[in-house]
Amino acid sequence: MDIFYALESGATIVTANSRLSRDLRARFHARQRDTGRRSWATPDVLPLTVFLERLWNDWVYSPKGAGAPVLLSPAQEYAVWESIIGPAPDDRPLLDVPSTAQRVSNAWKIAHDDDLPIRSGEFQASDDCQAFLGWAREYEQTCLDSRWLGRATLPGF
């Protein structure tokens, strides 16, 4: 089946990222203009992250979603990471907590995107790895205790 025909029929197309979504929508619009159409429905082309958020919202606002954890916004996630990383031991204070929080958050996302076995014990080769694992455990426990869901864990949820 032609992807443009699917879009014309109302299908949802999920792409790997926003750039691919924009490109596919632009090609769809160009094809519509090339065939002489003057108006058409906006195609439903979404990056995976947006598609997952849509599924989440559909589920949360359905009867089955009662009692669901709160999906954290990126800013809320960052604040949680910062609160965990900020109180470093006095003998090893961090000089740039915001930057560290951003990097740890990115590493957490990559670990989940790539399904890395971070709890297996294989990633304790350095002090940095051990610090990350400690922060990751605390982040997981904080989210569990507070009934929060981070975006990196949304696909698995």
Protein backbone atom coordinates (compact mmCIF):
# COMPACT_ATOMS: atom_id res chain seq x y z
CA MET A 1 0.00 0.00 0.00
CA ASP A 2 1.28 3.43 -0.92
CA ILE A 3 2.06 5.49 2.18
CA PHE A 4 0.38 8.57 0.70
CA TYR A 5 -2.77 6.58 -0.02
CA ALA A 6 -2.72 5.39 3.60
CA LEU A 7 -2.43 9.00 4.80
CA GLU A 8 -5.26 10.08 2.49
CA SER A 9 -7.35 7.28 4.03
CA GLY A 10 -6.74 8.59 7.54
CA ALA A 11 -3.93 6.30 8.68
CA THR A 12 -1.46 7.37 11.33
CA ILE A 13 2.19 7.06 10.35
CA VAL A 14 4.77 6.92 13.16
CA THR A 15 8.34 8.02 12.43
CA ALA A 16 11.57 7.78 14.38
CA ASN A 17 11.90 11.52 14.95
CA SER A 18 10.42 14.97 14.31
CA ARG A 19 12.60 15.64 11.29
CA LEU A 20 11.25 12.58 9.49
CA SER A 21 7.68 13.53 10.41
CA ARG A 22 8.13 17.03 8.98
CA ASP A 23 9.71 15.65 5.81
CA LEU A 24 6.92 13.12 5.23
CA ARG A 25 4.23 15.76 5.83
CA ALA A 26 5.98 18.11 3.38
CA ARG A 27 6.11 15.36 0.73
CA PHE A 28 2.45 14.57 1.32
CA HIS A 29 1.47 18.23 0.88
CA ALA A 30 3.60 18.49 -2.27
CA ARG A 31 1.91 15.42 -3.71
CA GLN A 32 -1.53 16.86 -2.97
CA ARG A 33 -0.60 20.11 -4.75
CA ASP A 34 0.91 18.18 -7.67
CA THR A 35 -2.35 16.27 -8.17
CA GLY A 36 -4.24 19.55 -8.39
CA ARG A 37 -5.99 19.43 -5.06
CA ARG A 38 -6.80 22.73 -3.41
CA SER A 39 -7.54 21.37 0.06
CA TRP A 40 -6.98 18.16 2.00
CA ALA A 41 -6.95 16.85 5.52
CA THR A 42 -3.76 17.30 7.50
CA PRO A 43 -1.91 13.98 7.50
CA ASP A 44 -1.43 12.25 10.85
CA VAL A 45 2.33 11.81 10.85
CA LEU A 46 3.89 11.71 14.31
CA PRO A 47 7.31 11.08 15.78
CA LEU A 48 7.32 8.09 18.12
CA THR A 49 7.55 10.25 21.27
CA VAL A 50 4.43 12.23 20.32
CA PHE A 51 2.58 9.05 19.34
CA LEU A 52 3.36 7.48 22.72
CA GLU A 53 2.13 10.63 24.49
CA ARG A 54 -1.09 10.44 22.48
CA LEU A 55 -1.59 6.81 23.48
CA TRP A 56 -0.85 7.74 27.09
CA ASN A 57 -3.39 10.55 27.08
CA ASP A 58 -6.02 8.36 25.42
CA TRP A 59 -5.49 5.73 28.08
CA VAL A 60 -5.31 8.10 31.06
CA TYR A 61 -8.58 9.79 30.11
CA SER A 62 -10.36 6.48 29.60
CA PRO A 63 -12.05 4.48 32.39
CA LYS A 64 -9.07 2.09 32.39
CA GLY A 65 -6.65 4.90 33.20
CA ALA A 66 -7.96 5.59 36.70
CA GLY A 67 -5.09 5.59 39.19
CA ALA A 68 -2.43 5.96 36.51
CA PRO A 69 0.89 7.50 37.49
CA VAL A 70 1.55 11.10 36.48
CA LEU A 71 3.58 11.45 33.28
CA LEU A 72 6.30 13.97 34.05
CA SER A 73 7.02 16.81 31.65
CA PRO A 74 10.64 17.24 30.57
CA ALA A 75 10.98 20.19 33.00
CA GLN A 76 9.57 18.13 35.86
CA GLU A 77 11.93 15.26 35.10
CA TYR A 78 14.86 17.64 35.04
CA ALA A 79 13.82 19.06 38.42
CA VAL A 80 13.70 15.55 39.90
CA TRP A 81 17.17 14.74 38.55
CA GLU A 82 18.52 18.03 39.86
CA SER A 83 17.07 17.40 43.32
CA ILE A 84 18.72 13.98 43.42
CA ILE A 85 22.10 15.09 42.10
CA GLY A 86 22.30 18.39 43.98
CA PRO A 87 23.00 17.14 47.49
CA ALA A 88 26.48 15.75 46.77
CA PRO A 89 28.73 14.71 49.66
CA ASP A 90 30.76 17.55 51.16
CA ASP A 91 34.02 15.87 50.21
CA ARG A 92 32.96 15.60 46.54
CA PRO A 93 30.68 18.51 45.67
CA LEU A 94 29.57 18.96 42.08
CA LEU A 95 30.47 22.29 40.54
CA ASP A 96 27.75 22.31 37.88
CA VAL A 97 24.64 20.51 39.11
CA PRO A 98 22.36 21.72 36.26
CA SER A 99 24.73 20.47 33.58
CA THR A 100 25.25 17.18 35.39
CA ALA A 101 21.49 16.73 35.77
CA GLN A 102 21.03 17.29 32.03
CA ARG A 103 23.74 14.76 31.16
CA VAL A 104 22.45 12.17 33.61
CA SER A 105 18.92 12.61 32.25
CA ASN A 106 20.23 12.09 28.71
CA ALA A 107 22.20 9.00 29.79
CA TRP A 108 19.05 7.62 31.46
CA LYS A 109 17.10 8.11 28.23
CA ILE A 110 19.81 6.45 26.14
CA ALA A 111 20.02 3.53 28.55
CA HIS A 112 16.26 2.98 28.17
CA ASP A 113 16.17 3.63 24.41
CA ASP A 114 18.91 1.05 23.88
CA ASP A 115 17.60 -1.32 26.58
CA LEU A 116 20.99 -1.39 28.31
CA PRO A 117 21.22 -3.72 31.31
CA ILE A 118 22.29 -0.96 33.70
CA ARG A 119 21.25 -2.96 36.77
CA SER A 120 23.35 -6.00 35.80
CA GLY A 121 26.50 -4.75 37.55
CA GLU A 122 28.47 -4.52 34.32
CA PHE A 123 28.55 -0.73 34.39
CA GLN A 124 30.48 -0.15 37.60
CA ALA A 125 33.87 0.33 36.01
CA SER A 126 34.41 3.86 37.28
CA ASP A 127 33.33 6.34 39.93
CA ASP A 128 31.18 8.09 37.30
CA CYS A 129 29.35 4.86 36.48
CA GLN A 130 28.74 4.17 40.14
CA ALA A 131 27.47 7.71 40.69
CA PHE A 132 25.10 7.35 37.73
CA LEU A 133 23.78 4.02 39.02
CA GLY A 134 23.19 5.52 42.46
CA TRP A 135 21.32 8.49 41.02
CA ALA A 136 19.36 6.19 38.68
CA ARG A 137 18.26 3.98 41.58
CA GLU A 138 17.19 7.03 43.57
CA TYR A 139 15.34 8.46 40.56
CA GLU A 140 13.49 5.18 40.03
CA GLN A 141 12.55 4.97 43.70
CA THR A 142 11.44 8.61 43.82
CA CYS A 143 9.21 8.07 40.78
CA LEU A 144 7.82 4.85 42.22
CA ASP A 145 7.10 6.40 45.62
CA SER A 146 5.50 9.50 44.07
CA ARG A 147 3.58 7.59 41.36
CA TRP A 148 5.41 9.44 38.60
CA LEU A 149 6.39 8.12 35.20
CA GLY A 150 9.37 9.52 33.34
CA ARG A 151 9.33 9.80 29.57
CA ALA A 152 12.27 7.42 29.14
CA THR A 153 10.21 4.65 30.73
CA LEU A 154 6.96 5.45 28.89
CA PRO A 155 7.57 3.01 25.99
CA GLY A 156 8.09 0.14 28.44
CA PHE A 157 5.10 1.13 30.51
